[in-house]
């Protein structure tokens, strides 16, 4: 081994091999470009590169970081990259890792959004998304099943999931309120000594100790000790970065500007995105379509299709919502310029909080690892998230397979009643094919989307 190699592999005070910032930068670019396939695929890529290939971080430390990120609102894969980057090179490392994780997806979805808004009436784009929508629907259903198996370990968890589904699907209860109620139920259950029923997170941690899952460690890197002065400084700086642009836009364009509305709405979304992108999409769709009128019902599926087929977090779909909302309400700008501004504002307020959660919370959350009430609250929230995602799956299914859906209000409920005469048999057929590909042939997300997109093109060009 050369003297340089020896120096590079010298153990640092944090327990990691010394890694140059330049070397880390190149690896974070590689991770960002390979971050397809949703959080599971993205976490697998990071594990393969950081743990197995580079050996920069141990298996137990990687899983410890992942478990922490799963406690937070926001995209856990992006936050995991930020966390590891921070451990390696402090704040600048976390910023580089987190920003690069988002950047390729931001550029890709911005380009696709411009093309979508400009050419959505063209036969090619219409045909492409006609095939993608059923595939996305099948992917969401698969997510319900996958998360449900993990979260619904007993009848209490099943009941919480069912209650969340009924609340949001039939009564349009806001997603944040559902999360709050579920968390309170779990917290109280844990305090009353019912953590054996509620604390699924604890059970998974205990399984991990036997080698069946995550391995938690309590070791903290030397540059992460809690500090009140640091916390106050960090909260002040990050709050100004987070909301400062929105305040400036409000001062220049007025409180009711679409950019300000998007900034405030997606700032709120950023603090309630527990359970991943699929969980919060129901809430975003409900507000973007029914409350603000930024999207038409079927367009959220198109945006999700973009996010599924580009690198980066799935929550990046909010950028499409921000673009279309501003494109249709451009104010003093031309539509495309307004759409670009809307994309930037939406992405900014969505991801700046992610850095705050990591930089601020890591030193403190370690102390709460064994807290039973906290674990019970998190488990109850996870169960409720399953019901919310089921709502999303049913909503997507109805609007994918039927050309017209009526909202019927009765007994305080809102029922989504499809007009059966508007059923689209071609969409039903492609949907069936998507389910077969995913559940029978176990085909991955990207191949399924590609095949369904090809079927949509074939139907429009060869059948119609």
Protein backbone atom coordinates (compact mmCIF):
# COMPACT_ATOMS: atom_id res chain seq x y z
CA UNK A 1 0.00 0.00 0.00
CA UNK A 2 1.36 3.44 -0.90
CA UNK A 3 1.87 6.18 1.69
CA UNK A 4 -1.07 8.11 0.19
CA UNK A 5 -3.34 5.08 0.43
CA UNK A 6 -2.19 4.52 3.98
CA UNK A 7 -3.03 8.11 4.86
CA UNK A 8 -6.45 7.85 3.20
CA UNK A 9 -7.38 4.74 5.15
CA UNK A 10 -6.27 6.05 8.52
CA UNK A 11 -9.14 5.91 11.00
CA UNK A 12 -10.58 9.31 11.86
CA UNK A 13 -11.99 10.36 15.21
CA UNK A 14 -15.48 9.40 14.10
CA UNK A 15 -14.57 5.82 13.37
CA UNK A 16 -14.63 6.22 9.58
CA UNK A 17 -11.84 5.88 7.08
CA UNK A 18 -10.62 9.29 5.99
CA UNK A 19 -12.41 10.29 2.79
CA UNK A 20 -11.48 13.38 0.83
CA UNK A 21 -14.25 15.82 0.05
CA UNK A 22 -13.51 15.56 -3.68
CA UNK A 23 -13.82 11.79 -3.58
CA UNK A 24 -17.10 12.04 -1.70
CA UNK A 25 -18.39 14.61 -4.19
CA UNK A 26 -17.84 12.24 -7.11
CA UNK A 27 -19.59 9.43 -5.27
CA UNK A 28 -22.60 11.60 -4.40
CA UNK A 29 -22.91 12.53 -8.09
CA UNK A 30 -22.92 8.82 -8.92
CA UNK A 31 -25.52 8.07 -6.25
CA UNK A 32 -27.73 10.88 -7.55
CA UNK A 33 -27.62 9.65 -11.14
CA UNK A 34 -28.51 6.10 -10.04
CA UNK A 35 -31.32 7.06 -7.65
CA UNK A 36 -34.17 5.42 -9.55
CA UNK A 37 -36.78 3.03 -8.20
CA UNK A 38 -38.21 4.87 -5.22
CA UNK A 39 -36.77 4.87 -1.68
CA UNK A 40 -36.15 1.12 -1.55
CA UNK A 41 -34.06 1.17 -4.71
CA UNK A 42 -32.28 4.39 -3.71
CA UNK A 43 -31.36 3.05 -0.27
CA UNK A 44 -30.10 -0.16 -1.89
CA UNK A 45 -27.86 1.85 -4.24
CA UNK A 46 -26.39 3.80 -1.34
CA UNK A 47 -25.84 0.62 0.67
CA UNK A 48 -24.05 -1.08 -2.21
CA UNK A 49 -21.79 1.90 -2.88
CA UNK A 50 -21.14 3.26 0.62
CA UNK A 51 -21.06 0.03 2.65
CA UNK A 52 -20.11 -2.79 0.30
CA UNK A 53 -17.99 -1.08 -2.34
CA UNK A 54 -16.39 1.95 -0.68
CA UNK A 55 -16.57 0.68 2.91
CA UNK A 56 -16.96 4.23 4.16
CA UNK A 57 -19.56 3.41 6.75
CA UNK A 58 -20.26 0.19 8.62
CA UNK A 59 -23.40 -1.86 8.18
CA UNK A 60 -24.65 -1.07 11.69
CA UNK A 61 -23.98 2.66 11.37
CA UNK A 62 -25.70 2.80 7.97
CA UNK A 63 -28.81 1.08 9.35
CA UNK A 64 -28.72 3.28 12.44
CA UNK A 65 -28.81 6.37 10.20
CA UNK A 66 -31.60 4.87 8.11
CA UNK A 67 -33.76 4.18 11.16
CA UNK A 68 -33.37 7.77 12.27
CA UNK A 69 -34.36 9.10 8.85
CA UNK A 70 -37.47 6.92 8.85
CA UNK A 71 -38.67 8.80 11.94
CA UNK A 72 -38.69 12.11 10.07
CA UNK A 73 -41.12 13.77 7.69
CA UNK A 74 -39.80 13.92 4.15
CA UNK A 75 -38.02 11.53 1.76
CA UNK A 76 -35.96 9.13 3.87
CA UNK A 77 -33.52 8.27 1.07
CA UNK A 78 -32.56 11.91 0.47
CA UNK A 79 -32.26 12.48 4.20
CA UNK A 80 -30.12 9.36 4.55
CA UNK A 81 -27.72 10.73 1.92
CA UNK A 82 -27.65 14.04 3.81
CA UNK A 83 -27.03 12.24 7.10
CA UNK A 84 -24.10 10.17 5.79
CA UNK A 85 -22.62 13.17 3.98
CA UNK A 86 -22.87 15.12 7.24
CA UNK A 87 -21.13 12.37 9.21
CA UNK A 88 -18.28 12.30 6.70
CA UNK A 89 -17.76 16.03 6.13
CA UNK A 90 -20.04 17.85 8.54
CA UNK A 91 -22.45 20.50 7.24
CA UNK A 92 -20.87 20.99 3.81
CA UNK A 93 -20.89 17.24 3.26
CA UNK A 94 -24.57 16.99 4.17
CA UNK A 95 -25.48 19.91 1.91
CA UNK A 96 -23.62 18.48 -1.09
CA UNK A 97 -25.03 14.97 -0.65
CA UNK A 98 -28.60 16.18 -0.15
CA UNK A 99 -28.61 18.77 -2.95
CA UNK A 100 -27.04 16.44 -5.49
CA UNK A 101 -29.60 13.77 -4.62
CA UNK A 102 -32.39 16.14 -5.70
CA UNK A 103 -30.74 17.97 -8.60
CA UNK A 104 -30.98 15.38 -11.46
CA UNK A 105 -34.67 14.78 -10.73
CA UNK A 106 -35.39 18.49 -10.53
CA UNK A 107 -33.87 19.12 -13.97
CA UNK A 108 -35.59 16.08 -15.50
CA UNK A 109 -39.05 16.90 -14.16
CA UNK A 110 -38.69 20.58 -15.10
CA UNK A 111 -37.99 19.62 -18.71
CA UNK A 112 -40.82 17.07 -18.74
CA UNK A 113 -43.23 19.58 -17.16
CA UNK A 114 -42.47 22.15 -19.87
CA UNK A 115 -43.01 19.54 -22.57
CA UNK A 116 -46.19 18.33 -20.87
CA UNK A 117 -47.68 21.81 -20.54
CA UNK A 118 -46.71 22.78 -24.09
CA UNK A 119 -47.57 19.56 -25.92
CA UNK A 120 -50.02 17.68 -23.70
CA UNK A 121 -52.64 17.91 -26.43
CA UNK A 122 -50.38 16.15 -28.92
CA UNK A 123 -51.24 12.55 -29.79
CA UNK A 124 -47.82 11.24 -28.76
CA UNK A 125 -47.84 12.75 -25.24
CA UNK A 126 -51.47 11.79 -24.72
CA UNK A 127 -50.76 8.21 -25.79
CA UNK A 128 -47.64 7.97 -23.64
CA UNK A 129 -49.40 9.01 -20.45
CA UNK A 130 -52.46 6.93 -21.33
CA UNK A 131 -50.24 3.89 -20.83
CA UNK A 132 -48.29 5.24 -17.85
CA UNK A 133 -51.35 6.00 -15.70
CA UNK A 134 -52.47 2.36 -15.28
CA UNK A 135 -48.91 1.34 -14.43
CA UNK A 136 -48.70 4.02 -11.74
CA UNK A 137 -52.00 2.80 -10.34
CA UNK A 138 -50.63 -0.74 -10.01
CA UNK A 139 -47.44 0.58 -8.39
CA UNK A 140 -49.47 2.45 -5.76
CA UNK A 141 -51.52 -0.67 -4.98
CA UNK A 142 -48.28 -2.65 -4.59
CA UNK A 143 -47.06 0.02 -2.16
CA UNK A 144 -50.22 -0.41 -0.07
CA UNK A 145 -49.60 -4.15 0.21
CA UNK A 146 -45.88 -3.81 0.90
CA UNK A 147 -46.28 -1.21 3.65
CA UNK A 148 -49.35 -2.95 5.04
CA UNK A 149 -47.43 -6.19 5.62
CA UNK A 150 -44.85 -4.27 7.58
CA UNK A 151 -47.18 -2.06 9.61
CA UNK A 152 -50.43 -3.96 10.24
CA UNK A 153 -49.17 -6.57 12.70
CA UNK A 154 -52.36 -6.80 14.81
CA UNK A 155 -56.06 -5.91 14.80
CA UNK A 156 -55.50 -2.51 16.44
CA UNK A 157 -53.16 -1.49 13.61
CA UNK A 158 -55.69 -2.74 11.03
CA UNK A 159 -58.44 -0.72 12.74
CA UNK A 160 -56.31 2.44 12.66
CA UNK A 161 -55.62 1.94 8.95
CA UNK A 162 -59.32 1.40 8.23
CA UNK A 163 -60.30 4.49 10.24
CA UNK A 164 -57.76 6.60 8.35
CA UNK A 165 -59.10 5.35 5.00
CA UNK A 166 -62.71 6.14 5.92
CA UNK A 167 -61.77 9.55 7.29
CA UNK A 168 -59.93 10.76 4.20
CA UNK A 169 -61.85 8.94 1.46
CA UNK A 170 -65.42 9.52 2.61
CA UNK A 171 -65.17 12.54 4.91
CA UNK A 172 -62.16 14.37 3.39
CA UNK A 173 -60.51 14.79 6.77
CA UNK A 174 -57.19 16.65 6.22
CA UNK A 175 -54.13 14.42 6.15
CA UNK A 176 -52.26 16.35 8.90
CA UNK A 177 -55.21 15.88 11.27
CA UNK A 178 -55.24 12.14 10.60
CA UNK A 179 -51.51 11.92 11.33
CA UNK A 180 -51.92 13.96 14.52
CA UNK A 181 -54.79 11.81 15.82
CA UNK A 182 -52.99 8.56 15.01
CA UNK A 183 -49.83 9.78 16.73
CA UNK A 184 -51.77 10.80 19.85
CA UNK A 185 -53.52 7.42 20.00
CA UNK A 186 -50.22 5.59 19.75
CA UNK A 187 -48.50 7.91 22.24
CA UNK A 188 -51.26 7.49 24.83
CA UNK A 189 -51.27 3.73 24.23
CA UNK A 190 -47.54 3.62 24.85
CA UNK A 191 -47.87 5.71 28.03
CA UNK A 192 -50.59 3.37 29.30
CA UNK A 193 -48.28 0.40 28.91
CA UNK A 194 -49.84 -0.87 25.68
CA UNK A 195 -46.60 -0.56 23.74
CA UNK A 196 -46.72 -4.31 23.08
CA UNK A 197 -49.73 -3.62 20.85
CA UNK A 198 -48.68 -0.32 19.33
CA UNK A 199 -44.89 -0.41 19.28
CA UNK A 200 -44.24 -2.19 16.00
CA UNK A 201 -41.05 -0.16 15.64
CA UNK A 202 -39.77 -1.67 18.86
CA UNK A 203 -40.52 -5.16 17.59
CA UNK A 204 -38.57 -4.52 14.41
CA UNK A 205 -35.64 -3.24 16.46
CA UNK A 206 -35.66 -6.33 18.64
CA UNK A 207 -35.77 -8.52 15.53
CA UNK A 208 -32.74 -6.60 14.29
CA UNK A 209 -30.76 -7.58 17.33
CA UNK A 210 -31.14 -11.16 16.21
CA UNK A 211 -29.79 -10.36 12.77
CA UNK A 212 -33.15 -10.15 11.01
CA UNK A 213 -33.27 -6.43 10.30
CA UNK A 214 -31.78 -3.10 11.30
CA UNK A 215 -28.99 -2.91 13.88
CA UNK A 216 -29.25 0.16 16.10
CA UNK A 217 -26.13 1.68 17.63
CA UNK A 218 -25.96 4.56 20.06
CA UNK A 219 -22.53 5.74 18.95
CA UNK A 220 -22.47 9.40 17.94
CA UNK A 221 -19.77 10.95 15.79
CA UNK A 222 -17.51 13.40 17.61
CA UNK A 223 -18.87 16.42 15.72
CA UNK A 224 -22.52 15.80 16.65
CA UNK A 225 -22.91 16.64 20.39
CA UNK A 226 -26.16 18.48 21.25
CA UNK A 227 -25.79 22.21 21.85
CA UNK A 228 -28.51 24.73 22.64
CA UNK A 229 -26.55 27.59 21.09
CA UNK A 230 -26.00 25.57 17.90
CA UNK A 231 -29.67 24.59 17.79
CA UNK A 232 -30.90 28.18 18.11
CA UNK A 233 -28.47 29.39 15.46
CA UNK A 234 -29.42 26.57 13.11
CA UNK A 235 -33.16 27.08 13.54
CA UNK A 236 -32.80 30.80 12.87
CA UNK A 237 -30.70 30.41 9.74
CA UNK A 238 -32.71 27.52 8.27
CA UNK A 239 -36.05 29.21 9.00
CA UNK A 240 -34.91 32.31 7.13
CA UNK A 241 -33.72 30.19 4.22
CA UNK A 242 -36.94 28.17 4.25
CA UNK A 243 -39.53 30.95 4.41
CA UNK A 244 -37.52 34.01 3.38
CA UNK A 245 -38.17 33.60 -0.37
CA UNK A 246 -41.91 33.16 0.27
CA UNK A 247 -42.00 36.36 2.36
CA UNK A 248 -40.17 38.27 -0.39
CA UNK A 249 -42.60 36.97 -3.03
CA UNK A 250 -45.55 38.00 -0.85
CA UNK A 251 -44.10 41.50 -0.47
CA UNK A 252 -43.53 41.88 -4.22
CA UNK A 253 -46.49 40.01 -5.76
CA UNK A 254 -49.06 39.99 -2.95
CA UNK A 255 -50.26 37.41 -0.43
CA UNK A 256 -52.61 35.71 -2.89
CA UNK A 257 -50.02 35.20 -5.64
CA UNK A 258 -49.92 31.59 -6.81
CA UNK A 259 -46.21 31.43 -5.90
CA UNK A 260 -46.96 32.46 -2.31
CA UNK A 261 -49.88 30.01 -2.12
CA UNK A 262 -47.63 27.21 -3.36
CA UNK A 263 -44.83 28.19 -1.01
CA UNK A 264 -47.10 28.15 2.03
CA UNK A 265 -48.96 24.99 1.04
CA UNK A 266 -45.87 22.92 0.29
CA UNK A 267 -44.15 24.24 3.42
CA UNK A 268 -47.03 22.70 5.34
CA UNK A 269 -46.73 19.49 3.32
CA UNK A 270 -43.01 19.31 4.18
CA UNK A 271 -43.77 18.81 7.88
CA UNK A 272 -46.44 16.09 7.48
CA UNK A 273 -44.86 13.77 4.90
CA UNK A 274 -44.53 10.82 7.27
CA UNK A 275 -44.76 7.48 5.50
CA UNK A 276 -43.23 8.51 2.20
CA UNK A 277 -44.47 10.22 -0.92
CA UNK A 278 -47.39 7.87 -1.57
CA UNK A 279 -48.97 8.72 1.77
CA UNK A 280 -48.96 12.49 1.30
CA UNK A 281 -49.96 12.35 -2.37
CA UNK A 282 -53.59 11.83 -1.40
CA UNK A 283 -53.52 15.05 0.60
CA UNK A 284 -51.67 16.95 -2.14
CA UNK A 285 -54.06 15.68 -4.80
CA UNK A 286 -57.09 16.60 -2.72
CA UNK A 287 -55.85 20.17 -2.22
CA UNK A 288 -54.29 20.75 -5.67
CA UNK A 289 -57.39 19.53 -7.53
CA UNK A 290 -60.34 20.43 -5.32
CA UNK A 291 -59.15 23.44 -3.31
CA UNK A 292 -56.68 25.33 -5.51
CA UNK A 293 -57.58 24.07 -8.99
CA UNK A 294 -53.91 23.72 -9.96
CA UNK A 295 -54.45 20.29 -11.55
CA UNK A 296 -57.17 18.28 -13.22
CA UNK A 297 -57.90 14.92 -11.52
CA UNK A 298 -55.99 12.69 -13.94
CA UNK A 299 -52.93 14.92 -14.10
CA UNK A 300 -51.52 13.85 -10.74
CA UNK A 301 -51.03 10.40 -12.24
CA UNK A 302 -49.07 11.98 -15.08
CA UNK A 303 -46.87 13.81 -12.60
CA UNK A 304 -46.32 10.69 -10.55
CA UNK A 305 -45.34 8.88 -13.74
CA UNK A 306 -42.66 11.54 -14.29
CA UNK A 307 -41.35 11.13 -10.74
CA UNK A 308 -41.32 7.33 -11.04
CA UNK A 309 -39.22 7.38 -14.23
CA UNK A 310 -36.65 10.03 -13.26
CA UNK A 311 -33.89 9.93 -10.62
CA UNK A 312 -34.51 11.42 -7.21
CA UNK A 313 -37.18 11.22 -4.48
CA UNK A 314 -40.76 10.40 -5.50
CA UNK A 315 -41.91 13.45 -3.55
CA UNK A 316 -40.33 15.43 -6.39
CA UNK A 317 -43.77 15.07 -8.01
CA UNK A 318 -44.71 18.21 -6.08
CA UNK A 319 -42.52 20.11 -8.53
CA UNK A 320 -44.90 19.13 -11.33
CA UNK A 321 -47.84 20.36 -9.25
CA UNK A 322 -46.04 23.65 -8.60
CA UNK A 323 -45.22 24.06 -12.28
CA UNK A 324 -48.75 23.39 -13.53
CA UNK A 325 -50.35 25.57 -10.86
CA UNK A 326 -48.16 28.54 -11.79
CA UNK A 327 -48.40 27.82 -15.53
CA UNK A 328 -52.18 28.16 -15.32
CA UNK A 329 -52.04 31.22 -13.06
CA UNK A 330 -48.99 33.08 -14.40
CA UNK A 331 -49.77 36.54 -13.05
CA UNK A 332 -47.32 39.09 -14.54
CA UNK A 333 -45.17 36.40 -16.21
CA UNK A 334 -45.57 34.32 -19.35
CA UNK A 335 -46.85 30.79 -18.52
CA UNK A 336 -43.57 28.90 -18.94
CA UNK A 337 -41.59 31.43 -16.87
CA UNK A 338 -44.25 31.28 -14.18
CA UNK A 339 -44.09 27.48 -14.27
CA UNK A 340 -40.33 27.51 -13.78
CA UNK A 341 -40.66 29.90 -10.82
CA UNK A 342 -43.38 27.69 -9.37
CA UNK A 343 -41.10 24.64 -9.73
CA UNK A 344 -38.23 26.37 -7.96
CA UNK A 345 -40.39 27.69 -5.10
CA UNK A 346 -42.09 24.33 -4.57
CA UNK A 347 -38.83 22.38 -4.61
CA UNK A 348 -37.16 24.89 -2.29
CA UNK A 349 -39.77 24.78 0.47
CA UNK A 350 -40.06 21.00 0.16
CA UNK A 351 -36.38 20.16 0.65
CA UNK A 352 -34.91 22.94 2.81
CA UNK A 353 -36.74 21.49 5.87
CA UNK A 354 -35.10 18.10 5.19
CA UNK A 355 -31.71 19.62 5.91
CA UNK A 356 -33.07 21.23 9.07
CA UNK A 357 -34.38 17.89 10.39
CA UNK A 358 -31.00 16.24 9.84
CA UNK A 359 -28.66 18.98 11.01
CA UNK A 360 -30.78 19.82 14.05
CA UNK A 361 -32.31 16.55 15.15
CA UNK A 362 -29.62 13.87 14.92
CA UNK A 363 -27.83 14.69 18.19
CA UNK A 364 -31.12 14.65 20.12
CA UNK A 365 -33.00 11.76 18.53
CA UNK A 366 -30.33 9.32 19.71
CA UNK A 367 -31.50 9.93 23.28
CA UNK A 368 -35.05 8.95 22.38
CA UNK A 369 -34.31 5.59 20.75
CA UNK A 370 -35.65 3.56 23.67
CA UNK A 371 -38.67 5.76 24.38
CA UNK A 372 -41.70 3.45 24.32
CA UNK A 373 -44.32 6.18 23.89
CA UNK A 374 -42.45 7.67 20.93
CA UNK A 375 -42.16 4.26 19.27
CA UNK A 376 -45.86 3.60 19.81
CA UNK A 377 -46.79 6.98 18.27
CA UNK A 378 -44.65 6.26 15.21
CA UNK A 379 -46.17 2.80 14.77
CA UNK A 380 -49.70 4.20 14.95
CA UNK A 381 -48.82 6.85 12.36
CA UNK A 382 -47.41 4.16 10.05
CA UNK A 383 -50.66 2.18 10.33
CA UNK A 384 -52.73 5.28 9.50
CA UNK A 385 -50.49 5.94 6.51
CA UNK A 386 -51.51 2.56 5.07
CA UNK A 387 -55.14 3.70 5.06
CA UNK A 388 -54.20 6.99 3.43
CA UNK A 389 -52.25 5.23 0.67
CA UNK A 390 -55.21 2.87 0.12
CA UNK A 391 -57.35 5.97 -0.40
CA UNK A 392 -54.85 7.14 -3.01
CA UNK A 393 -54.95 3.76 -4.76
CA UNK A 394 -58.76 3.69 -4.93
CA UNK A 395 -58.94 7.33 -6.07
CA UNK A 396 -56.36 6.76 -8.79
CA UNK A 397 -58.09 3.56 -9.94
CA UNK A 398 -61.47 5.21 -10.35
CA UNK A 399 -60.11 8.19 -12.27
CA UNK A 400 -57.90 5.98 -14.45
CA UNK A 401 -60.55 3.55 -15.63
CA UNK A 402 -63.53 5.90 -15.90
CA UNK A 403 -63.79 9.03 -18.01
CA UNK A 404 -66.29 10.67 -15.66
CA UNK A 405 -66.61 10.47 -11.86
CA UNK A 406 -69.29 12.32 -9.91
CA UNK A 407 -68.92 13.44 -6.28
CA UNK A 408 -72.16 12.72 -4.46
CA UNK A 409 -72.62 14.27 -1.02
CA UNK A 410 -74.81 12.41 1.47
CA UNK A 411 -74.95 12.04 5.26
CA UNK A 412 -71.88 14.23 5.62
CA UNK A 413 -69.88 12.01 3.29
CA UNK A 414 -68.56 12.53 -0.22
CA UNK A 415 -68.92 9.46 -2.45
CA UNK A 416 -66.88 9.13 -5.65
CA UNK A 417 -69.38 7.53 -8.03
CA UNK A 418 -68.04 6.55 -11.47
CA UNK A 419 -70.28 6.89 -14.50
CA UNK A 420 -70.21 3.29 -15.73
CA UNK A 421 -70.98 4.24 -19.32
CA UNK A 422 -67.60 6.07 -19.42
CA UNK A 423 -65.49 3.02 -18.55
CA UNK A 424 -62.37 2.86 -20.74
CA UNK A 425 -61.82 -0.79 -21.65
CA UNK A 426 -58.36 -0.12 -23.06
CA UNK A 427 -57.29 1.46 -19.78
CA UNK A 428 -58.76 -1.49 -17.88
CA UNK A 429 -56.81 -3.89 -20.11
CA UNK A 430 -53.50 -2.04 -19.60
CA UNK A 431 -54.19 -1.84 -15.86
CA UNK A 432 -54.72 -5.59 -15.76
CA UNK A 433 -51.46 -6.08 -17.63
CA UNK A 434 -49.64 -3.83 -15.16
CA UNK A 435 -50.92 -5.86 -12.21
CA UNK A 436 -49.84 -9.10 -13.90
CA UNK A 437 -46.36 -7.72 -14.57
CA UNK A 438 -45.87 -6.51 -11.00
CA UNK A 439 -47.58 -9.20 -8.93
CA UNK A 440 -47.24 -12.33 -11.09
CA UNK A 441 -43.97 -11.79 -12.94
CA UNK A 442 -42.43 -9.60 -10.20
CA UNK A 443 -41.23 -7.15 -12.81
CA UNK A 444 -39.59 -3.96 -11.58
CA UNK A 445 -41.14 -0.51 -11.63
CA UNK A 446 -39.18 0.92 -14.56
CA UNK A 447 -39.77 -2.07 -16.93
CA UNK A 448 -43.48 -2.06 -16.03
CA UNK A 449 -43.79 1.65 -16.77
CA UNK A 450 -41.91 1.22 -20.06
CA UNK A 451 -44.11 -1.68 -21.22
CA UNK A 452 -47.34 0.10 -20.29
CA UNK A 453 -46.19 3.30 -22.00
CA UNK A 454 -45.47 1.25 -25.15
CA UNK A 455 -48.96 -0.31 -24.93
CA UNK A 456 -50.47 3.17 -24.68
CA UNK A 457 -48.60 4.28 -27.79
CA UNK A 458 -49.59 1.12 -29.65
CA UNK A 459 -53.24 1.55 -28.74
CA UNK A 460 -53.38 5.15 -29.93
CA UNK A 461 -51.41 4.65 -33.14
CA UNK A 462 -52.49 1.14 -34.18
CA UNK A 463 -55.99 0.66 -32.77
CA UNK A 464 -57.74 4.02 -32.63
